[in-house]
Amino acid sequence: MPLALVVEVPIIAAFFPGRRLQLALTCAAVNGLTYLVLHWVLGLLHWGSLPILVGEALATLAEAVAYAVASRQPGRSFVASAVANLASFVVGGL
């Protein structure tokens, strides 16, 4: 998760120049929650066969909703979440 924060927080902040700090903090908080749900809770339920792409898509959607609520800019929030999560996924794969 720390790598995801290093990658995603600056991207999200860049998408919302008037609210960088608020959205950066939202990003850090919601990433923590999605990480726990996807890696800890699902692991406890033995859903280890859940494809990683489905998990990433769900995290992207959940994070986009949080950014939309925080920023009141749903379109920008969904694009920002997709870009940040894709970047994190690619960097994590390297």
Protein backbone atom coordinates (compact mmCIF):
# COMPACT_ATOMS: atom_id res chain seq x y z
CA MET A 1 0.00 0.00 0.00
CA PRO A 2 2.75 2.60 0.65
CA LEU A 3 3.78 2.39 -3.00
CA ALA A 4 0.18 3.00 -4.04
CA LEU A 5 0.08 6.11 -1.87
CA VAL A 6 3.36 7.42 -3.28
CA VAL A 7 1.98 7.02 -6.80
CA GLU A 8 -1.68 7.92 -6.35
CA VAL A 9 -1.69 10.84 -3.89
CA PRO A 10 0.27 13.25 -6.14
CA ILE A 11 -1.83 12.30 -9.16
CA ILE A 12 -5.09 12.93 -7.33
CA ALA A 13 -3.77 16.22 -5.91
CA ALA A 14 -2.77 17.34 -9.41
CA PHE A 15 -6.29 16.75 -10.71
CA PHE A 16 -7.78 19.11 -8.12
CA PRO A 17 -5.51 22.18 -7.94
CA GLY A 18 -7.91 24.23 -5.81
CA ARG A 19 -8.30 21.45 -3.25
CA ARG A 20 -4.99 19.60 -3.34
CA LEU A 21 -4.67 18.99 0.40
CA GLN A 22 -8.29 17.91 0.88
CA LEU A 23 -8.16 15.47 -2.03
CA ALA A 24 -4.70 14.19 -1.09
CA LEU A 25 -5.99 13.37 2.39
CA THR A 26 -9.12 11.81 0.92
CA CYS A 27 -6.93 9.71 -1.37
CA ALA A 28 -4.79 8.47 1.51
CA ALA A 29 -7.84 7.59 3.61
CA VAL A 30 -9.84 5.87 0.89
CA ASN A 31 -6.78 3.94 -0.31
CA GLY A 32 -6.38 2.58 3.19
CA LEU A 33 -9.98 1.42 3.20
CA THR A 34 -9.93 -0.15 -0.24
CA TYR A 35 -6.65 -1.88 0.58
CA LEU A 36 -8.13 -3.38 3.74
CA VAL A 37 -11.28 -4.55 2.01
CA LEU A 38 -9.61 -6.02 -1.05
CA HIS A 39 -6.60 -7.62 0.62
CA TRP A 40 -7.61 -8.35 4.17
CA VAL A 41 -11.36 -8.92 4.28
CA LEU A 42 -11.54 -10.81 1.00
CA GLY A 43 -8.51 -12.82 2.07
CA LEU A 44 -10.26 -13.82 5.29
CA LEU A 45 -13.26 -14.91 3.25
CA HIS A 46 -10.94 -17.07 1.14
CA TRP A 47 -11.86 -15.22 -2.03
CA GLY A 48 -8.28 -15.52 -3.18
CA SER A 49 -9.49 -16.47 -6.63
CA LEU A 50 -11.08 -13.05 -7.12
CA PRO A 51 -9.32 -11.72 -10.20
CA ILE A 52 -7.03 -8.80 -9.47
CA LEU A 53 -8.52 -6.73 -12.27
CA VAL A 54 -11.99 -6.98 -10.72
CA GLY A 55 -10.55 -5.90 -7.39
CA GLU A 56 -8.76 -2.98 -9.00
CA ALA A 57 -11.94 -1.95 -10.81
CA LEU A 58 -13.90 -2.00 -7.56
CA ALA A 59 -11.22 0.02 -5.80
CA THR A 60 -11.16 2.52 -8.65
CA LEU A 61 -14.92 2.94 -8.46
CA ALA A 62 -14.98 3.29 -4.66
CA GLU A 63 -12.17 5.82 -4.73
CA ALA A 64 -13.85 7.78 -7.54
CA VAL A 65 -17.02 8.05 -5.48
CA ALA A 66 -15.04 9.35 -2.49
CA TYR A 67 -13.31 11.95 -4.67
CA ALA A 68 -16.65 12.97 -6.20
CA VAL A 69 -18.15 13.50 -2.76
CA ALA A 70 -15.11 15.47 -1.57
CA SER A 71 -14.76 17.61 -4.69
CA ARG A 72 -18.31 17.75 -6.07
CA GLN A 73 -16.77 17.07 -9.49
CA PRO A 74 -17.87 13.56 -10.45
CA GLY A 75 -16.52 13.53 -14.00
CA ARG A 76 -13.07 14.70 -12.98
CA SER A 77 -13.14 12.33 -10.01
CA PHE A 78 -13.73 9.25 -12.15
CA VAL A 79 -10.98 10.21 -14.59
CA ALA A 80 -8.56 11.02 -11.76
CA SER A 81 -9.27 7.72 -10.02
CA ALA A 82 -8.80 5.75 -13.23
CA VAL A 83 -5.49 7.48 -14.02
CA ALA A 84 -4.18 7.12 -10.47
CA ASN A 85 -5.14 3.46 -10.17
CA LEU A 86 -3.76 2.59 -13.58
CA ALA A 87 -0.47 4.29 -12.73
CA SER A 88 -0.32 2.48 -9.39
CA PHE A 89 -1.11 -0.86 -11.04
CA VAL A 90 1.61 -0.37 -13.67
CA VAL A 91 4.24 0.78 -11.16
CA GLY A 92 3.32 -2.07 -8.81
CA GLY A 93 3.76 -4.54 -11.65
CA LEU A 94 7.27 -3.29 -12.34
